[in-house]
Amino acid sequence: METRTERVVVETDRHRIVGDVTLPREGYRSRLSEYLNHGDLDFIPMVDVELTPLNGGSPETRSFMAVARSHVQLAFPFEDDG
């Protein structure tokens, strides 16, 4: 299966997480919404992550993070404004 990397933003009640998710290039689960709503997905693996506390703390970087899907309140593709 061919894959692609998509930069996404995920927010929990305490953090904003920006990182790369690997998705199929086309077809089933190739859209972020389909991927996140798949029933057997408990954790979202992300690489090249920037983790920012929503309470105003300093951002941290991580090479890998697995985010519990049950904690995700908001998710969308990252758009670079700069």
N, C-alpha and C. Protein backbone atom coordinates (compact mmCIF):
# COMPACT_ATOMS: atom_id res chain seq x y z
N MET A 1 0.84 -1.17 0.00
CA MET A 1 0.00 0.00 0.00
C MET A 1 0.89 1.25 0.00
N GLU A 2 0.60 2.17 -0.90
CA GLU A 2 1.34 3.42 -0.94
C GLU A 2 0.80 4.36 0.13
N THR A 3 1.70 5.08 0.77
CA THR A 3 1.31 5.98 1.86
C THR A 3 1.81 7.39 1.58
N ARG A 4 1.28 8.31 2.36
CA ARG A 4 1.71 9.70 2.31
C ARG A 4 1.74 10.22 3.74
N THR A 5 2.47 11.28 3.95
CA THR A 5 2.55 11.91 5.27
C THR A 5 1.75 13.20 5.23
N GLU A 6 0.92 13.38 6.24
CA GLU A 6 0.14 14.62 6.34
C GLU A 6 0.41 15.25 7.70
N ARG A 7 0.70 16.54 7.70
CA ARG A 7 0.91 17.30 8.94
C ARG A 7 -0.46 17.67 9.48
N VAL A 8 -0.71 17.35 10.74
CA VAL A 8 -2.03 17.59 11.33
C VAL A 8 -1.90 18.29 12.67
N VAL A 9 -3.00 18.90 13.08
CA VAL A 9 -3.12 19.52 14.40
C VAL A 9 -4.15 18.73 15.17
N VAL A 10 -3.81 18.32 16.38
CA VAL A 10 -4.71 17.60 17.27
C VAL A 10 -4.73 18.35 18.59
N GLU A 11 -5.91 18.59 19.11
CA GLU A 11 -6.01 19.23 20.43
C GLU A 11 -6.71 18.31 21.41
N THR A 12 -6.15 18.25 22.61
CA THR A 12 -6.79 17.58 23.73
C THR A 12 -7.26 18.68 24.68
N ASP A 13 -7.75 18.31 25.84
CA ASP A 13 -8.18 19.35 26.78
C ASP A 13 -7.01 20.15 27.33
N ARG A 14 -5.77 19.63 27.21
CA ARG A 14 -4.61 20.32 27.80
C ARG A 14 -3.51 20.70 26.82
N HIS A 15 -3.51 20.12 25.60
CA HIS A 15 -2.39 20.34 24.67
C HIS A 15 -2.85 20.54 23.23
N ARG A 16 -2.03 21.30 22.52
CA ARG A 16 -2.14 21.39 21.05
C ARG A 16 -0.94 20.61 20.51
N ILE A 17 -1.21 19.65 19.66
CA ILE A 17 -0.18 18.76 19.15
C ILE A 17 -0.15 18.88 17.64
N VAL A 18 1.01 19.25 17.10
CA VAL A 18 1.19 19.35 15.66
C VAL A 18 2.23 18.30 15.27
N GLY A 19 1.87 17.41 14.35
CA GLY A 19 2.80 16.37 13.95
C GLY A 19 2.38 15.70 12.65
N ASP A 20 3.21 14.77 12.20
CA ASP A 20 2.98 14.06 10.94
C ASP A 20 2.32 12.72 11.21
N VAL A 21 1.29 12.43 10.41
CA VAL A 21 0.56 11.17 10.46
C VAL A 21 0.72 10.50 9.10
N THR A 22 0.90 9.19 9.08
CA THR A 22 1.00 8.45 7.83
C THR A 22 -0.37 7.92 7.45
N LEU A 23 -0.82 8.30 6.25
CA LEU A 23 -2.12 7.89 5.73
C LEU A 23 -1.94 7.18 4.39
N PRO A 24 -2.92 6.35 4.00
CA PRO A 24 -2.86 5.77 2.65
C PRO A 24 -2.90 6.89 1.60
N ARG A 25 -2.23 6.68 0.49
CA ARG A 25 -2.18 7.68 -0.57
C ARG A 25 -3.57 7.94 -1.15
N GLU A 26 -4.38 6.89 -1.29
CA GLU A 26 -5.73 7.04 -1.83
C GLU A 26 -6.60 5.91 -1.31
N GLY A 27 -7.90 6.06 -1.49
CA GLY A 27 -8.83 5.01 -1.10
C GLY A 27 -9.22 5.07 0.37
N TYR A 28 -9.56 3.89 0.90
CA TYR A 28 -10.07 3.75 2.25
C TYR A 28 -9.12 4.33 3.28
N ARG A 29 -9.63 5.17 4.16
CA ARG A 29 -8.90 5.83 5.25
C ARG A 29 -7.82 6.79 4.77
N SER A 30 -7.94 7.29 3.55
CA SER A 30 -6.94 8.25 3.06
C SER A 30 -7.23 9.67 3.53
N ARG A 31 -8.44 9.92 3.99
CA ARG A 31 -8.77 11.23 4.56
C ARG A 31 -8.59 11.16 6.07
N LEU A 32 -8.19 12.27 6.67
CA LEU A 32 -7.95 12.32 8.11
C LEU A 32 -9.19 11.92 8.89
N SER A 33 -10.36 12.39 8.49
CA SER A 33 -11.60 12.07 9.22
C SER A 33 -11.88 10.57 9.20
N GLU A 34 -11.67 9.92 8.06
CA GLU A 34 -11.88 8.47 7.97
C GLU A 34 -10.89 7.73 8.86
N TYR A 35 -9.64 8.17 8.84
CA TYR A 35 -8.59 7.54 9.63
C TYR A 35 -8.91 7.62 11.12
N LEU A 36 -9.32 8.81 11.57
CA LEU A 36 -9.59 9.00 13.00
C LEU A 36 -10.85 8.29 13.47
N ASN A 37 -11.81 8.09 12.59
CA ASN A 37 -13.08 7.45 12.96
C ASN A 37 -13.07 5.94 12.81
N HIS A 38 -11.94 5.38 12.40
CA HIS A 38 -11.86 3.93 12.26
C HIS A 38 -11.92 3.29 13.64
N GLY A 39 -12.81 2.33 13.82
CA GLY A 39 -13.11 1.76 15.12
C GLY A 39 -11.97 1.11 15.86
N ASP A 40 -10.98 0.54 15.16
CA ASP A 40 -9.92 -0.18 15.86
C ASP A 40 -8.70 0.69 16.19
N LEU A 41 -8.82 1.97 16.01
CA LEU A 41 -7.72 2.89 16.29
C LEU A 41 -7.84 3.44 17.71
N ASP A 42 -6.96 2.99 18.60
CA ASP A 42 -6.96 3.50 19.98
C ASP A 42 -5.97 4.64 20.17
N PHE A 43 -4.87 4.59 19.44
CA PHE A 43 -3.83 5.60 19.54
C PHE A 43 -3.47 6.10 18.15
N ILE A 44 -3.16 7.38 18.06
CA ILE A 44 -2.76 8.00 16.80
C ILE A 44 -1.24 8.17 16.85
N PRO A 45 -0.50 7.40 16.05
CA PRO A 45 0.96 7.58 16.03
C PRO A 45 1.33 8.82 15.24
N MET A 46 2.18 9.66 15.83
CA MET A 46 2.62 10.90 15.19
C MET A 46 4.13 11.03 15.32
N VAL A 47 4.77 11.59 14.29
CA VAL A 47 6.22 11.83 14.32
C VAL A 47 6.49 13.31 14.09
N ASP A 48 7.70 13.74 14.44
CA ASP A 48 8.12 15.14 14.32
C ASP A 48 7.08 16.05 14.96
N VAL A 49 6.87 15.84 16.25
CA VAL A 49 5.77 16.46 16.99
C VAL A 49 6.21 17.72 17.73
N GLU A 50 5.34 18.72 17.72
CA GLU A 50 5.48 19.89 18.59
C GLU A 50 4.29 19.88 19.54
N LEU A 51 4.56 19.81 20.81
CA LEU A 51 3.56 19.70 21.87
C LEU A 51 3.52 21.01 22.64
N THR A 52 2.37 21.68 22.60
CA THR A 52 2.24 22.98 23.26
C THR A 52 1.12 22.93 24.29
N PRO A 53 1.41 23.20 25.55
CA PRO A 53 0.35 23.25 26.56
C PRO A 53 -0.62 24.40 26.26
N LEU A 54 -1.89 24.17 26.42
CA LEU A 54 -2.89 25.21 26.17
C LEU A 54 -2.93 26.25 27.28
N ASN A 55 -2.31 25.95 28.41
CA ASN A 55 -2.30 26.91 29.52
C ASN A 55 -1.16 27.92 29.40
N GLY A 56 -0.46 27.93 28.26
CA GLY A 56 0.56 28.94 28.03
C GLY A 56 1.99 28.53 28.30
N GLY A 57 2.25 27.26 28.55
CA GLY A 57 3.62 26.82 28.79
C GLY A 57 4.44 26.80 27.51
N SER A 58 5.70 26.46 27.63
CA SER A 58 6.62 26.42 26.49
C SER A 58 6.39 25.16 25.65
N PRO A 59 6.49 25.30 24.32
CA PRO A 59 6.35 24.13 23.45
C PRO A 59 7.54 23.19 23.60
N GLU A 60 7.29 21.92 23.37
CA GLU A 60 8.32 20.89 23.40
C GLU A 60 8.27 20.14 22.08
N THR A 61 9.40 19.55 21.68
CA THR A 61 9.42 18.72 20.48
C THR A 61 9.68 17.28 20.87
N ARG A 62 9.10 16.38 20.10
CA ARG A 62 9.27 14.94 20.30
C ARG A 62 9.41 14.30 18.92
N SER A 63 10.24 13.28 18.81
CA SER A 63 10.38 12.59 17.53
C SER A 63 9.19 11.66 17.28
N PHE A 64 8.57 11.15 18.36
CA PHE A 64 7.41 10.26 18.24
C PHE A 64 6.47 10.48 19.41
N MET A 65 5.19 10.36 19.13
CA MET A 65 4.18 10.43 20.18
C MET A 65 2.97 9.62 19.74
N ALA A 66 2.38 8.89 20.65
CA ALA A 66 1.12 8.19 20.40
C ALA A 66 0.05 8.89 21.23
N VAL A 67 -0.93 9.46 20.55
CA VAL A 67 -1.99 10.23 21.21
C VAL A 67 -3.23 9.35 21.32
N ALA A 68 -3.78 9.24 22.51
CA ALA A 68 -5.00 8.45 22.71
C ALA A 68 -6.16 9.11 21.98
N ARG A 69 -6.77 8.38 21.08
CA ARG A 69 -7.88 8.92 20.30
C ARG A 69 -9.01 9.41 21.20
N SER A 70 -9.22 8.75 22.32
CA SER A 70 -10.30 9.13 23.23
C SER A 70 -10.10 10.51 23.85
N HIS A 71 -8.87 11.04 23.80
CA HIS A 71 -8.58 12.36 24.36
C HIS A 71 -8.65 13.48 23.33
N VAL A 72 -8.79 13.13 22.06
CA VAL A 72 -8.81 14.13 21.00
C VAL A 72 -10.15 14.86 21.00
N GLN A 73 -10.09 16.17 21.08
CA GLN A 73 -11.29 16.99 21.02
C GLN A 73 -11.43 17.68 19.68
N LEU A 74 -10.31 17.88 18.98
CA LEU A 74 -10.30 18.62 17.72
C LEU A 74 -9.13 18.12 16.89
N ALA A 75 -9.35 17.93 15.59
CA ALA A 75 -8.26 17.51 14.69
C ALA A 75 -8.51 18.09 13.31
N PHE A 76 -7.44 18.57 12.68
CA PHE A 76 -7.57 19.11 11.33
C PHE A 76 -6.20 19.14 10.66
N PRO A 77 -6.17 19.16 9.32
CA PRO A 77 -4.89 19.26 8.61
C PRO A 77 -4.21 20.59 8.93
N PHE A 78 -2.92 20.56 9.11
CA PHE A 78 -2.13 21.75 9.39
C PHE A 78 -2.05 22.61 8.13
N GLU A 79 -2.20 23.91 8.31
CA GLU A 79 -2.03 24.86 7.21
C GLU A 79 -0.98 25.86 7.63
N ASP A 80 0.11 25.90 6.88
CA ASP A 80 1.20 26.82 7.18
C ASP A 80 0.85 28.22 6.69
N ASP A 81 0.70 29.15 7.61
CA ASP A 81 0.30 30.51 7.28
C ASP A 81 1.50 31.38 6.89
N GLY A 82 2.69 30.83 7.01
CA GLY A 82 3.86 31.68 6.77
C GLY A 82 4.72 31.26 5.66
